[in-house]
N, C-alpha and C. Protein backbone atom coordinates (compact mmCIF):
# COMPACT_ATOMS: atom_id res chain seq x y z
N MET A 1 0.85 -1.18 0.00
CA MET A 1 0.00 0.00 0.00
C MET A 1 0.89 1.23 0.00
N THR A 2 0.57 2.19 -0.84
CA THR A 2 1.32 3.44 -0.85
C THR A 2 0.86 4.31 0.30
N GLU A 3 1.71 5.26 0.65
CA GLU A 3 1.39 6.15 1.77
C GLU A 3 0.22 7.06 1.40
N ILE A 4 -0.66 7.25 2.33
CA ILE A 4 -1.83 8.11 2.15
C ILE A 4 -1.48 9.48 2.73
N ARG A 5 -1.84 10.53 2.01
CA ARG A 5 -1.58 11.88 2.51
C ARG A 5 -2.79 12.35 3.32
N LEU A 6 -2.59 12.44 4.62
CA LEU A 6 -3.66 12.87 5.52
C LEU A 6 -3.53 14.37 5.78
N GLU A 7 -3.94 15.17 4.81
CA GLU A 7 -3.83 16.62 4.96
C GLU A 7 -4.81 17.14 6.01
N HIS A 8 -4.57 18.34 6.49
CA HIS A 8 -5.41 18.93 7.52
C HIS A 8 -6.86 19.03 7.03
N GLY A 9 -7.79 18.61 7.88
CA GLY A 9 -9.22 18.71 7.59
C GLY A 9 -9.80 17.57 6.79
N ILE A 10 -8.96 16.67 6.28
CA ILE A 10 -9.50 15.55 5.50
C ILE A 10 -10.25 14.61 6.42
N TRP A 11 -11.31 14.04 5.92
CA TRP A 11 -12.11 13.07 6.69
C TRP A 11 -11.74 11.67 6.26
N LEU A 12 -11.97 10.72 7.16
CA LEU A 12 -11.79 9.31 6.87
C LEU A 12 -13.03 8.57 7.33
N LEU A 13 -13.44 7.62 6.52
CA LEU A 13 -14.47 6.68 6.94
C LEU A 13 -13.75 5.35 7.10
N VAL A 14 -13.73 4.82 8.32
CA VAL A 14 -13.14 3.52 8.59
C VAL A 14 -14.31 2.62 8.96
N ALA A 15 -14.60 1.64 8.08
CA ALA A 15 -15.83 0.86 8.27
C ALA A 15 -15.61 -0.61 7.96
N ASP A 16 -16.52 -1.41 8.49
CA ASP A 16 -16.66 -2.81 8.09
C ASP A 16 -18.17 -3.04 8.00
N GLY A 17 -18.61 -4.26 8.04
CA GLY A 17 -20.04 -4.54 7.89
C GLY A 17 -20.88 -4.21 9.10
N GLU A 18 -20.25 -3.87 10.23
CA GLU A 18 -21.00 -3.64 11.46
C GLU A 18 -20.63 -2.36 12.19
N LYS A 19 -19.52 -1.74 11.85
CA LYS A 19 -19.04 -0.58 12.58
C LYS A 19 -18.48 0.44 11.59
N ALA A 20 -18.71 1.71 11.88
CA ALA A 20 -18.16 2.78 11.05
C ALA A 20 -17.68 3.91 11.94
N LEU A 21 -16.47 4.37 11.67
CA LEU A 21 -15.91 5.52 12.38
C LEU A 21 -15.72 6.64 11.37
N PHE A 22 -16.21 7.81 11.70
CA PHE A 22 -15.98 9.00 10.90
C PHE A 22 -14.91 9.80 11.63
N LEU A 23 -13.77 9.98 10.97
CA LEU A 23 -12.63 10.65 11.59
C LEU A 23 -12.28 11.90 10.79
N ARG A 24 -11.66 12.87 11.47
CA ARG A 24 -11.18 14.10 10.81
C ARG A 24 -9.76 14.35 11.28
N ASN A 25 -8.88 14.72 10.35
CA ASN A 25 -7.51 15.02 10.72
C ASN A 25 -7.42 16.46 11.22
N GLU A 26 -7.15 16.60 12.51
CA GLU A 26 -7.00 17.92 13.12
C GLU A 26 -5.55 18.38 13.07
N GLY A 27 -4.65 17.47 12.68
CA GLY A 27 -3.24 17.82 12.54
C GLY A 27 -2.95 18.23 11.11
N ASP A 28 -1.72 17.97 10.68
CA ASP A 28 -1.37 18.24 9.29
C ASP A 28 -0.87 16.96 8.65
N ALA A 29 -0.39 17.06 7.40
CA ALA A 29 0.03 15.87 6.67
C ALA A 29 1.24 15.21 7.32
N GLU A 30 2.13 16.01 7.89
CA GLU A 30 3.34 15.46 8.50
C GLU A 30 3.06 14.85 9.87
N TYR A 31 2.19 15.51 10.63
CA TYR A 31 1.84 15.03 11.97
C TYR A 31 0.32 14.94 12.10
N PRO A 32 -0.25 13.87 11.56
CA PRO A 32 -1.72 13.75 11.62
C PRO A 32 -2.21 13.56 13.06
N ASN A 33 -3.41 14.02 13.30
CA ASN A 33 -4.05 13.85 14.60
C ASN A 33 -5.53 13.57 14.33
N LEU A 34 -5.85 12.29 14.16
CA LEU A 34 -7.22 11.91 13.82
C LEU A 34 -8.11 12.00 15.05
N GLU A 35 -9.25 12.63 14.87
CA GLU A 35 -10.24 12.77 15.93
C GLU A 35 -11.54 12.11 15.46
N VAL A 36 -12.19 11.38 16.36
CA VAL A 36 -13.46 10.73 16.03
C VAL A 36 -14.56 11.80 16.00
N VAL A 37 -15.25 11.87 14.87
CA VAL A 37 -16.38 12.79 14.72
C VAL A 37 -17.68 12.08 15.09
N ARG A 38 -17.80 10.83 14.64
CA ARG A 38 -19.02 10.06 14.89
C ARG A 38 -18.69 8.58 14.74
N ALA A 39 -19.41 7.77 15.46
CA ALA A 39 -19.27 6.31 15.35
C ALA A 39 -20.65 5.70 15.18
N LEU A 40 -20.76 4.75 14.28
CA LEU A 40 -22.00 4.01 14.07
C LEU A 40 -21.73 2.54 14.34
N HIS A 41 -22.71 1.86 14.90
CA HIS A 41 -22.57 0.44 15.17
C HIS A 41 -23.88 -0.24 14.80
N ASP A 42 -23.77 -1.35 14.08
CA ASP A 42 -24.94 -2.09 13.65
C ASP A 42 -24.83 -3.51 14.19
N GLU A 43 -25.86 -3.98 14.87
CA GLU A 43 -25.87 -5.36 15.34
C GLU A 43 -26.18 -6.26 14.16
N ASN A 44 -25.25 -7.13 13.83
CA ASN A 44 -25.43 -8.03 12.69
C ASN A 44 -24.92 -9.42 13.08
N PRO A 45 -25.74 -10.20 13.79
CA PRO A 45 -25.30 -11.53 14.20
C PRO A 45 -25.13 -12.46 12.99
N PRO A 46 -24.44 -13.59 13.17
CA PRO A 46 -24.28 -14.53 12.07
C PRO A 46 -25.62 -15.00 11.53
N THR A 47 -25.62 -15.41 10.27
CA THR A 47 -26.85 -15.87 9.60
C THR A 47 -27.54 -16.96 10.40
N ARG A 48 -26.77 -17.89 10.97
CA ARG A 48 -27.38 -19.01 11.72
C ARG A 48 -28.22 -18.52 12.89
N GLU A 49 -27.91 -17.33 13.40
CA GLU A 49 -28.68 -16.77 14.52
C GLU A 49 -29.84 -15.90 14.04
N GLN A 50 -29.87 -15.55 12.77
CA GLN A 50 -30.92 -14.67 12.25
C GLN A 50 -32.05 -15.43 11.58
N GLY A 51 -31.75 -16.52 10.91
CA GLY A 51 -32.78 -17.26 10.21
C GLY A 51 -32.91 -18.66 10.77
N THR A 52 -34.11 -19.05 11.09
CA THR A 52 -34.30 -20.38 11.66
C THR A 52 -35.04 -21.32 10.72
N ASP A 53 -35.71 -20.78 9.72
CA ASP A 53 -36.46 -21.62 8.79
C ASP A 53 -35.52 -22.32 7.81
N GLN A 54 -35.94 -23.49 7.39
CA GLN A 54 -35.22 -24.21 6.35
C GLN A 54 -35.50 -23.51 5.01
N PRO A 55 -34.55 -23.55 4.08
CA PRO A 55 -34.81 -22.96 2.77
C PRO A 55 -36.01 -23.64 2.12
N GLY A 56 -36.76 -22.89 1.35
CA GLY A 56 -37.93 -23.44 0.67
C GLY A 56 -37.56 -24.44 -0.42
N ARG A 57 -38.56 -25.17 -0.88
CA ARG A 57 -38.35 -26.17 -1.94
C ARG A 57 -39.39 -25.91 -3.04
N HIS A 58 -39.01 -26.31 -4.24
CA HIS A 58 -39.96 -26.16 -5.35
C HIS A 58 -39.82 -27.35 -6.28
N PHE A 59 -40.88 -27.63 -7.03
CA PHE A 59 -40.87 -28.71 -8.01
C PHE A 59 -40.22 -28.21 -9.29
N ASP A 60 -39.33 -29.04 -9.86
CA ASP A 60 -38.82 -28.73 -11.19
C ASP A 60 -39.95 -28.94 -12.18
N THR A 61 -40.04 -28.13 -13.17
CA THR A 61 -41.17 -28.20 -14.09
C THR A 61 -41.20 -29.45 -14.93
N ALA A 62 -40.07 -29.96 -15.37
CA ALA A 62 -40.07 -31.10 -16.28
C ALA A 62 -39.98 -32.45 -15.57
N THR A 63 -39.63 -32.46 -14.31
CA THR A 63 -39.43 -33.72 -13.59
C THR A 63 -40.21 -33.71 -12.29
N PRO A 64 -40.42 -34.89 -11.70
CA PRO A 64 -41.14 -34.93 -10.42
C PRO A 64 -40.22 -34.62 -9.22
N HIS A 65 -39.00 -34.18 -9.49
CA HIS A 65 -38.04 -33.92 -8.42
C HIS A 65 -38.22 -32.53 -7.80
N LYS A 66 -37.87 -32.47 -6.54
CA LYS A 66 -37.90 -31.18 -5.84
C LYS A 66 -36.48 -30.61 -5.77
N SER A 67 -36.39 -29.30 -5.80
CA SER A 67 -35.11 -28.62 -5.63
C SER A 67 -35.24 -27.64 -4.47
N GLY A 68 -34.13 -27.38 -3.82
CA GLY A 68 -34.15 -26.43 -2.70
C GLY A 68 -33.68 -25.07 -3.14
N PHE A 69 -34.28 -24.05 -2.55
CA PHE A 69 -33.80 -22.69 -2.76
C PHE A 69 -32.54 -22.50 -1.94
N GLU A 70 -31.69 -21.61 -2.37
CA GLU A 70 -30.49 -21.31 -1.62
C GLU A 70 -30.87 -20.59 -0.33
N GLU A 71 -30.17 -20.90 0.76
CA GLU A 71 -30.46 -20.27 2.04
C GLU A 71 -30.09 -18.79 1.98
N THR A 72 -30.90 -17.97 2.59
CA THR A 72 -30.66 -16.53 2.60
C THR A 72 -29.48 -16.20 3.51
N ASP A 73 -28.58 -15.37 3.01
CA ASP A 73 -27.43 -14.94 3.80
C ASP A 73 -27.81 -13.63 4.49
N TRP A 74 -28.41 -13.76 5.67
CA TRP A 74 -28.91 -12.60 6.40
C TRP A 74 -27.79 -11.65 6.81
N GLN A 75 -26.62 -12.19 7.09
CA GLN A 75 -25.52 -11.33 7.50
C GLN A 75 -25.08 -10.43 6.34
N ARG A 76 -25.00 -10.99 5.15
CA ARG A 76 -24.62 -10.18 3.98
C ARG A 76 -25.68 -9.10 3.72
N ILE A 77 -26.94 -9.46 3.87
CA ILE A 77 -28.01 -8.48 3.68
C ILE A 77 -27.87 -7.36 4.72
N GLY A 78 -27.53 -7.73 5.96
CA GLY A 78 -27.30 -6.72 7.00
C GLY A 78 -26.15 -5.80 6.66
N LYS A 79 -25.08 -6.35 6.08
CA LYS A 79 -23.93 -5.52 5.68
C LYS A 79 -24.30 -4.57 4.55
N GLU A 80 -25.12 -5.06 3.62
CA GLU A 80 -25.56 -4.21 2.52
C GLU A 80 -26.42 -3.06 3.06
N ARG A 81 -27.31 -3.36 4.00
CA ARG A 81 -28.15 -2.31 4.59
C ARG A 81 -27.30 -1.30 5.36
N PHE A 82 -26.28 -1.80 6.06
CA PHE A 82 -25.40 -0.90 6.80
C PHE A 82 -24.61 -0.01 5.84
N ALA A 83 -24.19 -0.55 4.70
CA ALA A 83 -23.51 0.26 3.68
C ALA A 83 -24.45 1.35 3.18
N ASP A 84 -25.73 1.03 3.00
CA ASP A 84 -26.72 2.04 2.60
C ASP A 84 -26.82 3.15 3.65
N GLU A 85 -26.84 2.76 4.92
CA GLU A 85 -26.93 3.73 6.01
C GLU A 85 -25.70 4.64 6.03
N ILE A 86 -24.53 4.05 5.85
CA ILE A 86 -23.29 4.84 5.82
C ILE A 86 -23.31 5.81 4.65
N ALA A 87 -23.72 5.33 3.47
CA ALA A 87 -23.76 6.17 2.28
C ALA A 87 -24.72 7.34 2.48
N GLU A 88 -25.85 7.10 3.10
CA GLU A 88 -26.81 8.17 3.37
C GLU A 88 -26.23 9.20 4.33
N ARG A 89 -25.54 8.72 5.36
CA ARG A 89 -24.91 9.62 6.33
C ARG A 89 -23.83 10.46 5.64
N LEU A 90 -23.03 9.85 4.78
CA LEU A 90 -22.00 10.58 4.04
C LEU A 90 -22.62 11.65 3.15
N TYR A 91 -23.72 11.31 2.50
CA TYR A 91 -24.40 12.28 1.64
C TYR A 91 -24.87 13.48 2.46
N GLN A 92 -25.48 13.22 3.61
CA GLN A 92 -25.96 14.32 4.46
C GLN A 92 -24.80 15.22 4.88
N LEU A 93 -23.68 14.61 5.27
CA LEU A 93 -22.52 15.38 5.70
C LEU A 93 -21.92 16.18 4.54
N ALA A 94 -21.81 15.57 3.38
CA ALA A 94 -21.26 16.25 2.21
C ALA A 94 -22.17 17.39 1.77
N HIS A 95 -23.47 17.13 1.77
CA HIS A 95 -24.44 18.14 1.34
C HIS A 95 -24.40 19.37 2.26
N ARG A 96 -24.13 19.13 3.54
CA ARG A 96 -24.03 20.25 4.50
C ARG A 96 -22.65 20.91 4.48
N GLY A 97 -21.75 20.40 3.63
CA GLY A 97 -20.42 21.00 3.52
C GLY A 97 -19.49 20.67 4.67
N ARG A 98 -19.72 19.55 5.35
CA ARG A 98 -18.90 19.18 6.51
C ARG A 98 -17.51 18.72 6.12
N PHE A 99 -17.35 18.18 4.89
CA PHE A 99 -16.02 17.78 4.44
C PHE A 99 -15.85 18.06 2.95
N GLU A 100 -14.60 18.35 2.58
CA GLU A 100 -14.26 18.57 1.17
C GLU A 100 -13.67 17.32 0.54
N LYS A 101 -12.89 16.56 1.35
CA LYS A 101 -12.26 15.33 0.87
C LYS A 101 -12.44 14.25 1.93
N ILE A 102 -12.54 13.00 1.44
CA ILE A 102 -12.68 11.88 2.36
C ILE A 102 -11.91 10.68 1.81
N ILE A 103 -11.36 9.90 2.72
CA ILE A 103 -10.70 8.65 2.38
C ILE A 103 -11.57 7.53 2.93
N LEU A 104 -11.87 6.55 2.09
CA LEU A 104 -12.69 5.40 2.49
C LEU A 104 -11.75 4.23 2.83
N VAL A 105 -11.88 3.71 4.04
CA VAL A 105 -11.06 2.58 4.49
C VAL A 105 -12.02 1.47 4.92
N ALA A 106 -12.01 0.37 4.16
CA ALA A 106 -12.94 -0.73 4.45
C ALA A 106 -12.47 -1.98 3.74
N PRO A 107 -12.95 -3.14 4.19
CA PRO A 107 -12.63 -4.37 3.46
C PRO A 107 -13.26 -4.35 2.06
N PRO A 108 -12.75 -5.15 1.12
CA PRO A 108 -13.23 -5.10 -0.26
C PRO A 108 -14.74 -5.22 -0.42
N LEU A 109 -15.39 -6.12 0.32
CA LEU A 109 -16.84 -6.30 0.20
C LEU A 109 -17.59 -5.02 0.55
N VAL A 110 -17.19 -4.38 1.63
CA VAL A 110 -17.86 -3.15 2.07
C VAL A 110 -17.57 -2.01 1.10
N LEU A 111 -16.31 -1.90 0.62
CA LEU A 111 -16.00 -0.86 -0.37
C LEU A 111 -16.86 -1.04 -1.62
N GLY A 112 -17.02 -2.29 -2.05
CA GLY A 112 -17.86 -2.55 -3.22
C GLY A 112 -19.30 -2.15 -3.01
N GLU A 113 -19.84 -2.47 -1.85
CA GLU A 113 -21.23 -2.09 -1.54
C GLU A 113 -21.36 -0.57 -1.47
N LEU A 114 -20.36 0.09 -0.86
CA LEU A 114 -20.41 1.55 -0.77
C LEU A 114 -20.36 2.20 -2.15
N ARG A 115 -19.49 1.69 -3.01
CA ARG A 115 -19.39 2.26 -4.36
C ARG A 115 -20.73 2.21 -5.08
N LYS A 116 -21.50 1.14 -4.86
CA LYS A 116 -22.80 0.99 -5.53
C LYS A 116 -23.79 2.06 -5.10
N VAL A 117 -23.70 2.52 -3.84
CA VAL A 117 -24.76 3.37 -3.29
C VAL A 117 -24.32 4.81 -2.96
N LEU A 118 -23.03 5.13 -3.17
CA LEU A 118 -22.59 6.50 -2.87
C LEU A 118 -23.23 7.50 -3.83
N HIS A 119 -23.65 8.60 -3.29
CA HIS A 119 -24.21 9.69 -4.07
C HIS A 119 -23.07 10.37 -4.84
N LYS A 120 -23.37 10.93 -6.00
CA LYS A 120 -22.34 11.57 -6.83
C LYS A 120 -21.63 12.71 -6.08
N GLU A 121 -22.36 13.38 -5.20
CA GLU A 121 -21.76 14.47 -4.42
C GLU A 121 -20.67 13.93 -3.49
N VAL A 122 -20.85 12.74 -2.98
CA VAL A 122 -19.83 12.12 -2.12
C VAL A 122 -18.71 11.53 -2.98
N GLU A 123 -19.07 10.85 -4.09
CA GLU A 123 -18.07 10.27 -4.99
C GLU A 123 -17.04 11.31 -5.42
N ALA A 124 -17.51 12.51 -5.70
CA ALA A 124 -16.61 13.57 -6.16
C ALA A 124 -15.61 14.00 -5.08
N ARG A 125 -15.88 13.67 -3.84
CA ARG A 125 -15.00 14.08 -2.73
C ARG A 125 -14.09 12.96 -2.23
N VAL A 126 -14.22 11.77 -2.81
CA VAL A 126 -13.38 10.65 -2.37
C VAL A 126 -11.97 10.85 -2.91
N ALA A 127 -11.01 11.04 -1.98
CA ALA A 127 -9.62 11.27 -2.34
C ALA A 127 -8.86 9.96 -2.53
N ALA A 128 -9.26 8.93 -1.79
CA ALA A 128 -8.57 7.63 -1.89
C ALA A 128 -9.45 6.55 -1.27
N GLU A 129 -9.14 5.32 -1.63
CA GLU A 129 -9.79 4.15 -1.03
C GLU A 129 -8.69 3.21 -0.56
N VAL A 130 -8.88 2.67 0.63
CA VAL A 130 -7.92 1.72 1.19
C VAL A 130 -8.69 0.45 1.53
N SER A 131 -8.27 -0.64 0.92
CA SER A 131 -8.96 -1.92 1.11
C SER A 131 -8.34 -2.67 2.29
N LYS A 132 -8.73 -2.27 3.50
CA LYS A 132 -8.24 -2.89 4.74
C LYS A 132 -9.34 -2.84 5.78
N THR A 133 -9.26 -3.76 6.72
CA THR A 133 -10.16 -3.74 7.87
C THR A 133 -9.42 -3.15 9.04
N LEU A 134 -9.77 -1.93 9.43
CA LEU A 134 -9.09 -1.25 10.53
C LEU A 134 -10.03 -0.84 11.66
N THR A 135 -11.27 -1.30 11.64
CA THR A 135 -12.25 -0.86 12.64
C THR A 135 -11.90 -1.28 14.06
N ASN A 136 -11.14 -2.35 14.22
CA ASN A 136 -10.78 -2.79 15.57
C ASN A 136 -9.43 -2.25 16.03
N HIS A 137 -8.87 -1.32 15.26
CA HIS A 137 -7.60 -0.68 15.64
C HIS A 137 -7.91 0.60 16.42
N THR A 138 -6.95 1.02 17.21
CA THR A 138 -7.09 2.32 17.89
C THR A 138 -6.90 3.42 16.85
N VAL A 139 -7.34 4.62 17.17
CA VAL A 139 -7.18 5.75 16.25
C VAL A 139 -5.70 5.97 15.96
N TRP A 140 -4.86 5.85 16.97
CA TRP A 140 -3.43 6.03 16.79
C TRP A 140 -2.88 4.98 15.82
N ASP A 141 -3.32 3.73 15.96
CA ASP A 141 -2.87 2.67 15.06
C ASP A 141 -3.36 2.92 13.63
N ILE A 142 -4.55 3.45 13.47
CA ILE A 142 -5.06 3.77 12.13
C ILE A 142 -4.17 4.82 11.49
N GLU A 143 -3.81 5.86 12.25
CA GLU A 143 -2.87 6.89 11.74
C GLU A 143 -1.58 6.24 11.28
N LYS A 144 -1.04 5.37 12.12
CA LYS A 144 0.24 4.72 11.85
C LYS A 144 0.17 3.85 10.58
N VAL A 145 -0.87 3.04 10.46
CA VAL A 145 -1.03 2.16 9.32
C VAL A 145 -1.16 2.97 8.03
N LEU A 146 -1.95 4.03 8.07
CA LEU A 146 -2.19 4.82 6.86
C LEU A 146 -1.01 5.68 6.45
N THR A 147 -0.20 6.12 7.39
CA THR A 147 0.93 6.98 7.04
C THR A 147 2.22 6.22 6.80
N ASN A 148 2.36 5.03 7.37
CA ASN A 148 3.59 4.27 7.21
C ASN A 148 3.51 3.18 6.15
N GLY A 149 2.31 2.97 5.61
CA GLY A 149 2.15 2.01 4.54
C GLY A 149 2.18 0.62 4.94
């Protein structure tokens, strides 16, 4: 990973499928000082804890055999909904002029979901994307990882 330039006032979204941190650099590019602006948390238990029904079955049209439907991945659906919530929050913040530039830091699945639902006003302000899971790191460790590569 190349070094990310954390200029003064730049925002960062550090997210995964269940947690999102909105950070702002109060320092400068040489000595960043990330401050938490807002944190979101979504309860998303494993699929086995969310769905108890067996997948449905249907008759194949040409044969007397039954086939099963694929089981619903409730956890993935929860992550997609959380990505929608994050995208809406980013749009509200961008529309109010709260940030000019933002860096998105998330695992590949979450980045992909965010890309699908980001408003054009937010897309235009994305300075960089980092495909990493850093939500369980301290703010200081996030600074270190992003500046030291």
